[in-house]
Amino acid sequence: MKSLFLRFSAPHTAFSTAFLKGYLMQVLMAAIAISLMLVAAGNIHTSRLSRSFQSSVATDFQLQQLSGTVTHLDEVRTMSARMAATTGDLSWETRYKAFAPVLVEAINQAIALAPEAYNIHARQIDETNLKLIEIEYEAFDLVRQKKLDQALAKLFSDEYTTQKGLYATGLQLWTQFLDSKVKSDLQRYDQGLFWSGVFSMTSFWLLMLACAGLLYGINQYIRRRAGTERKLRKAQRQLDIHQHEIQSATTQMQQKEALLETTRTA
C-alpha cells in the first residue's frame, strides 16, 4: 500500500518541483531583473541630471557675477573719464586704463559662457562698449590739450548719452535673459527629478507585483497540494477498506473450506 501511495504522490511532487523551479522562479527572476534595470536607469539618469545641473548652476552663477562686474566697471570707467574732464587730472586716465581691459575681459568671458545670448544682447553691449571707449579716449585727448569744456561736452553729449542708454538696456536684457535661463535650468532639473521618481516607483510597483504573483502562485501550489493529499488520503482509506473486505472474505472462505474438510472426513 505504501508503494501505491508513493506512485500517486511521486508525479505530484515532480509537478510541484517543476512548477516552483520553472514558472514561479522565472517570473520572480524576470521581475527582479527588470526592477534592477529600471533602478539602474533611474540612477544613471539622476547622476547625469545632477552633473548637468551643477554645471549649469556654476555657469549661471559665473554669468551673474560677470554681469555685476560689467555694470560696476562701466560706471567706474564713466566716472574716471568725467573726473578727468572736470579736474584736468590725468591720473584718472591711468585708473581708467587699468579697469578698461578688465571690463573687456569680463564681457568676453560672458560671451564665451553664453554664446546663445551674444547674438541677442551681448552683441549690443559689446558694440556700444567699443563706441563708449572711443568717445572716452577722445575726451582724454581733449583733457591733455587742456580743453576741459570740450571734453565734458563730449562726455555729456547726446551721442554719449544714447550709447550709455543702449549699453544699460543691453545689460538689463542680458540680466533678464540670465534670470530666465536659471528658471529654465531649474524647471529642467525638476522634470528630470520627476522622471527619476517615475523610474523608482515603476520598479517598486513591478517588484511588488512580482512578489504578489509569487505569493499567489505559492498559495495556488499549496491549495493544489492540499487537495491532492486529500484525494490520496481518501484513496488510501478506500484501499484499506477494500483490503479489509478482501481479508474478511478470505478468512470466511478458509473457514468454510475447513468446515467442508471436517465434514468430509467425518
C-alpha atoms as a PDB file:
ATOM      1  CA  MET A   1       0.000   0.000   0.000  1.00  0.00           C
ATOM      2  CA  LYS A   2       2.870   2.320   0.759  1.00  0.00           C
ATOM      3  CA  SER A   3       4.273   1.805  -2.721  1.00  0.00           C
ATOM      4  CA  LEU A   4       0.869   2.616  -4.165  1.00  0.00           C
ATOM      5  CA  PHE A   5       0.789   5.890  -2.195  1.00  0.00           C
ATOM      6  CA  LEU A   6       4.252   6.748  -3.433  1.00  0.00           C
ATOM      7  CA  ARG A   7       3.170   6.084  -7.013  1.00  0.00           C
ATOM      8  CA  PHE A   8       0.329   8.543  -6.537  1.00  0.00           C
ATOM      9  CA  SER A   9       2.446  11.187  -4.795  1.00  0.00           C
ATOM     10  CA  ALA A  10       5.553  10.981  -6.987  1.00  0.00           C
ATOM     11  CA  PRO A  11       4.030  12.613 -10.093  1.00  0.00           C
ATOM     12  CA  HIS A  12       2.536  15.320  -7.920  1.00  0.00           C
ATOM     13  CA  THR A  13       5.904  16.003  -6.280  1.00  0.00           C
ATOM     14  CA  ALA A  14       7.604  16.160  -9.676  1.00  0.00           C
ATOM     15  CA  PHE A  15       4.949  18.558 -10.911  1.00  0.00           C
ATOM     16  CA  SER A  16       5.311  20.758  -7.810  1.00  0.00           C
ATOM     17  CA  THR A  17       9.079  20.929  -8.119  1.00  0.00           C
ATOM     18  CA  ALA A  18       8.871  21.756 -11.815  1.00  0.00           C
ATOM     19  CA  PHE A  19       6.243  24.388 -11.085  1.00  0.00           C
ATOM     20  CA  LEU A  20       8.353  26.092  -8.441  1.00  0.00           C
ATOM     21  CA  LYS A  21      11.614  25.932 -10.357  1.00  0.00           C
ATOM     22  CA  GLY A  22      10.002  26.718 -13.667  1.00  0.00           C
ATOM     23  CA  TYR A  23       7.168  29.196 -13.687  1.00  0.00           C
ATOM     24  CA  LEU A  24       7.459  30.949 -10.323  1.00  0.00           C
ATOM     25  CA  MET A  25      11.216  31.322 -10.289  1.00  0.00           C
ATOM     26  CA  GLN A  26      11.306  32.551 -13.875  1.00  0.00           C
ATOM     27  CA  VAL A  27       8.661  35.180 -13.150  1.00  0.00           C
ATOM     28  CA  LEU A  28      10.415  36.289  -9.978  1.00  0.00           C
ATOM     29  CA  MET A  29      13.841  36.485 -11.623  1.00  0.00           C
ATOM     30  CA  ALA A  30      12.423  38.376 -14.606  1.00  0.00           C
ATOM     31  CA  ALA A  31      10.680  40.865 -12.316  1.00  0.00           C
ATOM     32  CA  ILE A  32      13.814  41.371 -10.236  1.00  0.00           C
ATOM     33  CA  ALA A  33      15.940  41.820 -13.370  1.00  0.00           C
ATOM     34  CA  ILE A  34      13.546  44.394 -14.819  1.00  0.00           C
ATOM     35  CA  SER A  35      13.336  46.189 -11.472  1.00  0.00           C
ATOM     36  CA  LEU A  36      17.121  46.357 -11.211  1.00  0.00           C
ATOM     37  CA  MET A  37      17.346  47.645 -14.784  1.00  0.00           C
ATOM     38  CA  LEU A  38      14.831  50.388 -14.000  1.00  0.00           C
ATOM     39  CA  VAL A  39      16.659  51.298 -10.796  1.00  0.00           C
ATOM     40  CA  ALA A  40      19.973  51.409 -12.668  1.00  0.00           C
ATOM     41  CA  ALA A  41      18.443  53.534 -15.424  1.00  0.00           C
ATOM     42  CA  GLY A  42      16.981  55.867 -12.812  1.00  0.00           C
ATOM     43  CA  ASN A  43      20.325  56.201 -11.027  1.00  0.00           C
ATOM     44  CA  ILE A  44      22.179  56.877 -14.279  1.00  0.00           C
ATOM     45  CA  HIS A  45      19.572  59.454 -15.278  1.00  0.00           C
ATOM     46  CA  THR A  46      19.751  61.135 -11.858  1.00  0.00           C
ATOM     47  CA  SER A  47      23.562  61.164 -11.937  1.00  0.00           C
ATOM     48  CA  ARG A  48      23.658  62.746 -15.392  1.00  0.00           C
ATOM     49  CA  LEU A  49      20.961  65.208 -14.401  1.00  0.00           C
ATOM     50  CA  SER A  50      22.860  66.178 -11.253  1.00  0.00           C
ATOM     51  CA  ARG A  51      26.117  66.740 -13.157  1.00  0.00           C
ATOM     52  CA  SER A  52      24.333  68.764 -15.820  1.00  0.00           C
ATOM     53  CA  PHE A  53      22.509  70.833 -13.213  1.00  0.00           C
ATOM     54  CA  GLN A  54      25.691  71.513 -11.244  1.00  0.00           C
ATOM     55  CA  SER A  55      27.445  72.601 -14.414  1.00  0.00           C
ATOM     56  CA  SER A  56      24.514  74.838 -15.404  1.00  0.00           C
ATOM     57  CA  VAL A  57      24.298  76.376 -11.942  1.00  0.00           C
ATOM     58  CA  ALA A  58      28.044  77.064 -11.900  1.00  0.00           C
ATOM     59  CA  THR A  59      27.823  78.703 -15.324  1.00  0.00           C
ATOM     60  CA  ASP A  60      24.755  80.748 -14.379  1.00  0.00           C
ATOM     61  CA  PHE A  61      26.394  81.896 -11.154  1.00  0.00           C
ATOM     62  CA  GLN A  62      29.525  82.938 -13.014  1.00  0.00           C
ATOM     63  CA  LEU A  63      27.438  84.809 -15.569  1.00  0.00           C
ATOM     64  CA  GLN A  64      25.602  86.646 -12.797  1.00  0.00           C
ATOM     65  CA  GLN A  65      28.935  87.660 -11.300  1.00  0.00           C
ATOM     66  CA  LEU A  66      30.204  88.837 -14.679  1.00  0.00           C
ATOM     67  CA  SER A  67      27.023  90.830 -15.214  1.00  0.00           C
ATOM     68  CA  GLY A  68      27.570  92.642 -11.913  1.00  0.00           C
ATOM     69  CA  THR A  69      31.250  93.179 -12.754  1.00  0.00           C
ATOM     70  CA  VAL A  70      30.429  94.642 -16.159  1.00  0.00           C
ATOM     71  CA  THR A  71      27.881  97.047 -14.655  1.00  0.00           C
ATOM     72  CA  HIS A  72      30.270  98.163 -11.925  1.00  0.00           C
ATOM     73  CA  LEU A  73      33.283  98.626 -14.201  1.00  0.00           C
ATOM     74  CA  ASP A  74      31.225 100.590 -16.707  1.00  0.00           C
ATOM     75  CA  GLU A  75      30.267 103.079 -14.007  1.00  0.00           C
ATOM     76  CA  VAL A  76      33.887 103.264 -12.799  1.00  0.00           C
ATOM     77  CA  ARG A  77      35.044 103.921 -16.352  1.00  0.00           C
ATOM     78  CA  THR A  78      32.474 106.671 -16.940  1.00  0.00           C
ATOM     79  CA  MET A  79      33.269 108.295 -13.589  1.00  0.00           C
ATOM     80  CA  SER A  80      37.017 108.211 -14.307  1.00  0.00           C
ATOM     81  CA  ALA A  81      36.582 109.889 -17.695  1.00  0.00           C
ATOM     82  CA  ARG A  82      34.283 112.601 -16.327  1.00  0.00           C
ATOM     83  CA  MET A  83      36.502 113.261 -13.297  1.00  0.00           C
ATOM     84  CA  ALA A  84      39.481 113.722 -15.638  1.00  0.00           C
ATOM     85  CA  ALA A  85      37.435 116.134 -17.764  1.00  0.00           C
ATOM     86  CA  THR A  86      36.262 118.018 -14.661  1.00  0.00           C
ATOM     87  CA  THR A  87      39.589 118.300 -12.799  1.00  0.00           C
ATOM     88  CA  GLY A  88      42.100 118.049 -15.621  1.00  0.00           C
ATOM     89  CA  ASP A  89      43.917 115.383 -13.590  1.00  0.00           C
ATOM     90  CA  LEU A  90      45.156 112.699 -15.993  1.00  0.00           C
ATOM     91  CA  SER A  91      45.751 110.235 -13.135  1.00  0.00           C
ATOM     92  CA  TRP A  92      42.095 109.357 -13.691  1.00  0.00           C
ATOM     93  CA  GLU A  93      43.102 108.177 -17.153  1.00  0.00           C
ATOM     94  CA  THR A  94      45.570 105.754 -15.541  1.00  0.00           C
ATOM     95  CA  ARG A  95      42.760 104.406 -13.380  1.00  0.00           C
ATOM     96  CA  TYR A  96      40.502 104.231 -16.431  1.00  0.00           C
ATOM     97  CA  LYS A  97      43.082 102.263 -18.435  1.00  0.00           C
ATOM     98  CA  ALA A  98      43.551  99.865 -15.521  1.00  0.00           C
ATOM     99  CA  PHE A  99      39.858  98.975 -15.459  1.00  0.00           C
ATOM    100  CA  ALA A 100      39.042  99.100 -19.191  1.00  0.00           C
ATOM    101  CA  PRO A 101      40.819  95.805 -20.089  1.00  0.00           C
ATOM    102  CA  VAL A 102      39.146  94.111 -17.117  1.00  0.00           C
ATOM    103  CA  LEU A 103      35.774  95.250 -18.423  1.00  0.00           C
ATOM    104  CA  VAL A 104      36.524  93.958 -21.930  1.00  0.00           C
ATOM    105  CA  GLU A 105      37.725  90.652 -20.492  1.00  0.00           C
ATOM    106  CA  ALA A 106      34.567  90.293 -18.404  1.00  0.00           C
ATOM    107  CA  ILE A 107      32.416  90.879 -21.489  1.00  0.00           C
ATOM    108  CA  ASN A 108      34.415  88.340 -23.497  1.00  0.00           C
ATOM    109  CA  GLN A 109      34.109  85.754 -20.723  1.00  0.00           C
ATOM    110  CA  ALA A 110      30.361  86.271 -20.595  1.00  0.00           C
ATOM    111  CA  ILE A 111      30.148  85.845 -24.365  1.00  0.00           C
ATOM    112  CA  ALA A 112      32.179  82.614 -24.149  1.00  0.00           C
ATOM    113  CA  LEU A 113      29.957  81.221 -21.368  1.00  0.00           C
ATOM    114  CA  ALA A 114      26.664  82.140 -23.024  1.00  0.00           C
ATOM    115  CA  PRO A 115      27.196  82.301 -26.798  1.00  0.00           C
ATOM    116  CA  GLU A 116      23.445  81.939 -27.371  1.00  0.00           C
ATOM    117  CA  ALA A 117      22.945  85.271 -25.629  1.00  0.00           C
ATOM    118  CA  TYR A 118      25.619  87.011 -27.669  1.00  0.00           C
ATOM    119  CA  ASN A 119      23.536  87.302 -30.841  1.00  0.00           C
ATOM    120  CA  ILE A 120      20.679  88.896 -28.888  1.00  0.00           C
ATOM    121  CA  HIS A 121      22.047  91.019 -26.050  1.00  0.00           C
ATOM    122  CA  ALA A 122      25.799  90.760 -25.590  1.00  0.00           C
ATOM    123  CA  ARG A 123      26.461  91.979 -29.131  1.00  0.00           C
ATOM    124  CA  GLN A 124      24.672  95.211 -28.279  1.00  0.00           C
ATOM    125  CA  ILE A 125      26.731  95.519 -25.082  1.00  0.00           C
ATOM    126  CA  ASP A 126      29.960  94.812 -26.939  1.00  0.00           C
ATOM    127  CA  GLU A 127      29.291  97.256 -29.773  1.00  0.00           C
ATOM    128  CA  THR A 128      28.154 100.097 -27.503  1.00  0.00           C
ATOM    129  CA  ASN A 129      31.113  99.443 -25.206  1.00  0.00           C
ATOM    130  CA  LEU A 130      33.537  99.974 -28.110  1.00  0.00           C
ATOM    131  CA  LYS A 131      31.783 103.221 -29.071  1.00  0.00           C
ATOM    132  CA  LEU A 132      31.869 104.464 -25.468  1.00  0.00           C
ATOM    133  CA  ILE A 133      35.587 103.666 -25.234  1.00  0.00           C
ATOM    134  CA  GLU A 134      36.182 105.603 -28.434  1.00  0.00           C
ATOM    135  CA  ILE A 135      34.354 108.673 -27.112  1.00  0.00           C
ATOM    136  CA  GLU A 136      36.098 108.468 -23.732  1.00  0.00           C
ATOM    137  CA  TYR A 137      39.546 108.277 -25.329  1.00  0.00           C
ATOM    138  CA  GLU A 138      38.662 111.344 -27.381  1.00  0.00           C
ATOM    139  CA  ALA A 139      37.736 113.095 -24.133  1.00  0.00           C
ATOM    140  CA  PHE A 140      41.094 112.158 -22.581  1.00  0.00           C
ATOM    141  CA  ASP A 141      42.865 113.587 -25.632  1.00  0.00           C
ATOM    142  CA  LEU A 142      40.958 116.839 -25.114  1.00  0.00           C
ATOM    143  CA  VAL A 143      41.971 116.869 -21.435  1.00  0.00           C
ATOM    144  CA  ARG A 144      45.626 116.525 -22.433  1.00  0.00           C
ATOM    145  CA  GLN A 145      45.077 119.519 -24.721  1.00  0.00           C
ATOM    146  CA  LYS A 146      43.600 121.410 -21.745  1.00  0.00           C
ATOM    147  CA  LYS A 147      40.222 121.578 -23.497  1.00  0.00           C
ATOM    148  CA  LEU A 148      38.218 120.572 -20.441  1.00  0.00           C
ATOM    149  CA  ASP A 149      34.947 122.142 -21.560  1.00  0.00           C
ATOM    150  CA  GLN A 150      35.018 120.237 -24.843  1.00  0.00           C
ATOM    151  CA  ALA A 151      35.920 117.032 -23.006  1.00  0.00           C
ATOM    152  CA  LEU A 152      32.939 117.468 -20.657  1.00  0.00           C
ATOM    153  CA  ALA A 153      30.678 118.328 -23.547  1.00  0.00           C
ATOM    154  CA  LYS A 154      31.689 115.125 -25.327  1.00  0.00           C
ATOM    155  CA  LEU A 155      31.073 113.029 -22.192  1.00  0.00           C
ATOM    156  CA  PHE A 156      27.631 114.580 -21.716  1.00  0.00           C
ATOM    157  CA  SER A 157      26.714 114.746 -25.385  1.00  0.00           C
ATOM    158  CA  ASP A 158      23.585 113.197 -26.872  1.00  0.00           C
ATOM    159  CA  GLU A 159      25.711 110.580 -28.652  1.00  0.00           C
ATOM    160  CA  TYR A 160      27.401 109.524 -25.422  1.00  0.00           C
ATOM    161  CA  THR A 161      24.101 109.516 -23.509  1.00  0.00           C
ATOM    162  CA  THR A 162      22.463 107.467 -26.257  1.00  0.00           C
ATOM    163  CA  GLN A 163      25.262 104.903 -26.203  1.00  0.00           C
ATOM    164  CA  LYS A 164      25.068 104.734 -22.398  1.00  0.00           C
ATOM    165  CA  GLY A 165      21.334 104.126 -22.681  1.00  0.00           C
ATOM    166  CA  LEU A 166      21.840 101.372 -25.237  1.00  0.00           C
ATOM    167  CA  TYR A 167      24.547  99.883 -23.034  1.00  0.00           C
ATOM    168  CA  ALA A 168      22.266  99.938 -19.962  1.00  0.00           C
ATOM    169  CA  THR A 169      19.397  98.440 -21.966  1.00  0.00           C
ATOM    170  CA  GLY A 170      21.664  95.656 -23.200  1.00  0.00           C
ATOM    171  CA  LEU A 171      22.781  94.925 -19.632  1.00  0.00           C
ATOM    172  CA  GLN A 172      19.166  94.860 -18.442  1.00  0.00           C
ATOM    173  CA  LEU A 173      18.080  92.498 -21.219  1.00  0.00           C
ATOM    174  CA  TRP A 174      21.104  90.340 -20.607  1.00  0.00           C
ATOM    175  CA  THR A 175      20.253  90.129 -16.899  1.00  0.00           C
ATOM    176  CA  GLN A 176      16.685  89.168 -17.753  1.00  0.00           C
ATOM    177  CA  PHE A 177      17.978  86.511 -20.111  1.00  0.00           C
ATOM    178  CA  LEU A 178      20.201  85.093 -17.377  1.00  0.00           C
ATOM    179  CA  ASP A 179      17.273  85.034 -14.948  1.00  0.00           C
ATOM    180  CA  SER A 180      15.112  83.181 -17.451  1.00  0.00           C
ATOM    181  CA  LYS A 181      17.978  80.759 -18.104  1.00  0.00           C
ATOM    182  CA  VAL A 182      18.234  79.973 -14.378  1.00  0.00           C
ATOM    183  CA  LYS A 183      14.483  79.352 -14.218  1.00  0.00           C
ATOM    184  CA  SER A 184      14.673  77.135 -17.299  1.00  0.00           C
ATOM    185  CA  ASP A 185      17.506  75.105 -15.761  1.00  0.00           C
ATOM    186  CA  LEU A 186      15.519  74.673 -12.560  1.00  0.00           C
ATOM    187  CA  GLN A 187      12.439  73.541 -14.485  1.00  0.00           C
ATOM    188  CA  ARG A 188      14.519  71.060 -16.465  1.00  0.00           C
ATOM    189  CA  TYR A 189      16.028  69.760 -13.233  1.00  0.00           C
ATOM    190  CA  ASP A 190      12.563  69.383 -11.684  1.00  0.00           C
ATOM    191  CA  GLN A 191      11.345  67.473 -14.732  1.00  0.00           C
ATOM    192  CA  GLY A 192      14.390  65.223 -14.547  1.00  0.00           C
ATOM    193  CA  LEU A 193      13.718  64.506 -10.875  1.00  0.00           C
ATOM    194  CA  PHE A 194      10.096  63.723 -11.744  1.00  0.00           C
ATOM    195  CA  TRP A 195      11.123  61.097 -14.302  1.00  0.00           C
ATOM    196  CA  SER A 196      13.663  59.668 -11.881  1.00  0.00           C
ATOM    197  CA  GLY A 197      10.821  59.286  -9.407  1.00  0.00           C
ATOM    198  CA  VAL A 198       8.735  57.594 -12.090  1.00  0.00           C
ATOM    199  CA  PHE A 199      11.552  55.106 -12.708  1.00  0.00           C
ATOM    200  CA  SER A 200      11.830  54.380  -8.988  1.00  0.00           C
ATOM    201  CA  MET A 201       8.089  53.991  -8.450  1.00  0.00           C
ATOM    202  CA  THR A 202       7.732  51.801 -11.530  1.00  0.00           C
ATOM    203  CA  SER A 203      10.495  49.482 -10.357  1.00  0.00           C
ATOM    204  CA  PHE A 204       8.979  49.390  -6.855  1.00  0.00           C
ATOM    205  CA  TRP A 205       5.474  48.501  -8.034  1.00  0.00           C
ATOM    206  CA  LEU A 206       6.822  45.997 -10.537  1.00  0.00           C
ATOM    207  CA  LEU A 207       8.694  44.268  -7.743  1.00  0.00           C
ATOM    208  CA  MET A 208       5.568  44.373  -5.561  1.00  0.00           C
ATOM    209  CA  LEU A 209       3.514  42.823  -8.359  1.00  0.00           C
ATOM    210  CA  ALA A 210       6.131  40.124  -8.819  1.00  0.00           C
ATOM    211  CA  CYS A 211       6.046  39.341  -5.103  1.00  0.00           C
ATOM    212  CA  ALA A 212       2.248  39.310  -5.149  1.00  0.00           C
ATOM    213  CA  GLY A 213       2.315  36.965  -8.149  1.00  0.00           C
ATOM    214  CA  LEU A 214       4.822  34.761  -6.379  1.00  0.00           C
ATOM    215  CA  LEU A 215       2.683  34.619  -3.243  1.00  0.00           C
ATOM    216  CA  TYR A 216      -0.385  33.858  -5.336  1.00  0.00           C
ATOM    217  CA  GLY A 217       1.476  31.080  -7.131  1.00  0.00           C
ATOM    218  CA  ILE A 218       2.686  29.603  -3.839  1.00  0.00           C
ATOM    219  CA  ASN A 219      -0.835  29.789  -2.439  1.00  0.00           C
ATOM    220  CA  GLN A 220      -2.212  28.005  -5.504  1.00  0.00           C
ATOM    221  CA  TYR A 221       0.528  25.410  -5.202  1.00  0.00           C
ATOM    222  CA  ILE A 222      -0.308  24.800  -1.530  1.00  0.00           C
ATOM    223  CA  ARG A 223      -4.018  24.530  -2.318  1.00  0.00           C
ATOM    224  CA  ARG A 224      -3.376  22.067  -5.149  1.00  0.00           C
ATOM    225  CA  ARG A 225      -1.067  20.031  -2.964  1.00  0.00           C
ATOM    226  CA  ALA A 226      -3.563  20.001  -0.091  1.00  0.00           C
ATOM    227  CA  GLY A 227      -6.333  18.903  -2.496  1.00  0.00           C
ATOM    228  CA  THR A 228      -4.148  16.188  -3.947  1.00  0.00           C
ATOM    229  CA  GLU A 229      -3.204  14.975  -0.486  1.00  0.00           C
ATOM    230  CA  ARG A 230      -6.869  14.842   0.491  1.00  0.00           C
ATOM    231  CA  LYS A 231      -7.604  12.747  -2.573  1.00  0.00           C
ATOM    232  CA  LEU A 232      -4.662  10.486  -1.791  1.00  0.00           C
ATOM    233  CA  ARG A 233      -5.802  10.033   1.793  1.00  0.00           C
ATOM    234  CA  LYS A 234      -9.339   9.254   0.598  1.00  0.00           C
ATOM    235  CA  ALA A 235      -7.964   6.735  -1.891  1.00  0.00           C
ATOM    236  CA  GLN A 236      -5.795   5.262   0.853  1.00  0.00           C
ATOM    237  CA  ARG A 237      -8.830   4.845   3.113  1.00  0.00           C
ATOM    238  CA  GLN A 238     -10.811   3.216   0.311  1.00  0.00           C
ATOM    239  CA  LEU A 239      -7.894   0.863  -0.393  1.00  0.00           C
ATOM    240  CA  ASP A 240      -7.674  -0.016   3.306  1.00  0.00           C
ATOM    241  CA  ILE A 241     -11.415  -0.740   3.359  1.00  0.00           C
ATOM    242  CA  HIS A 242     -11.143  -2.930   0.264  1.00  0.00           C
ATOM    243  CA  GLN A 243      -8.151  -4.738   1.719  1.00  0.00           C
ATOM    244  CA  HIS A 244     -10.059  -5.358   4.950  1.00  0.00           C
ATOM    245  CA  GLU A 245     -13.042  -6.681   2.987  1.00  0.00           C
ATOM    246  CA  ILE A 246     -10.759  -8.947   0.949  1.00  0.00           C
ATOM    247  CA  GLN A 247      -9.106 -10.250   4.118  1.00  0.00           C
ATOM    248  CA  SER A 248     -12.513 -10.895   5.717  1.00  0.00           C
ATOM    249  CA  ALA A 249     -13.741 -12.721   2.628  1.00  0.00           C
ATOM    250  CA  THR A 250     -10.550 -14.799   2.527  1.00  0.00           C
ATOM    251  CA  THR A 251     -10.943 -15.717   6.187  1.00  0.00           C
ATOM    252  CA  GLN A 252     -14.550 -16.730   5.672  1.00  0.00           C
ATOM    253  CA  MET A 253     -13.596 -18.856   2.668  1.00  0.00           C
ATOM    254  CA  GLN A 254     -10.846 -20.535   4.658  1.00  0.00           C
ATOM    255  CA  GLN A 255     -13.279 -21.267   7.470  1.00  0.00           C
ATOM    256  CA  LYS A 256     -15.810 -22.746   5.043  1.00  0.00           C
ATOM    257  CA  GLU A 257     -13.132 -24.890   3.423  1.00  0.00           C
ATOM    258  CA  ALA A 258     -12.025 -26.127   6.833  1.00  0.00           C
ATOM    259  CA  LEU A 259     -15.615 -26.944   7.740  1.00  0.00           C
ATOM    260  CA  LEU A 260     -16.184 -28.846   4.472  1.00  0.00           C
ATOM    261  CA  GLU A 261     -12.949 -30.774   5.009  1.00  0.00           C
ATOM    262  CA  THR A 262     -14.003 -31.720   8.512  1.00  0.00           C
ATOM    263  CA  THR A 263     -17.442 -32.826   7.330  1.00  0.00           C
ATOM    264  CA  ARG A 264     -15.958 -34.944   4.528  1.00  0.00           C
ATOM    265  CA  THR A 265     -13.512 -36.764   6.777  1.00  0.00           C
ATOM    266  CA  ALA A 266     -16.130 -37.425   9.424  1.00  0.00           C
END
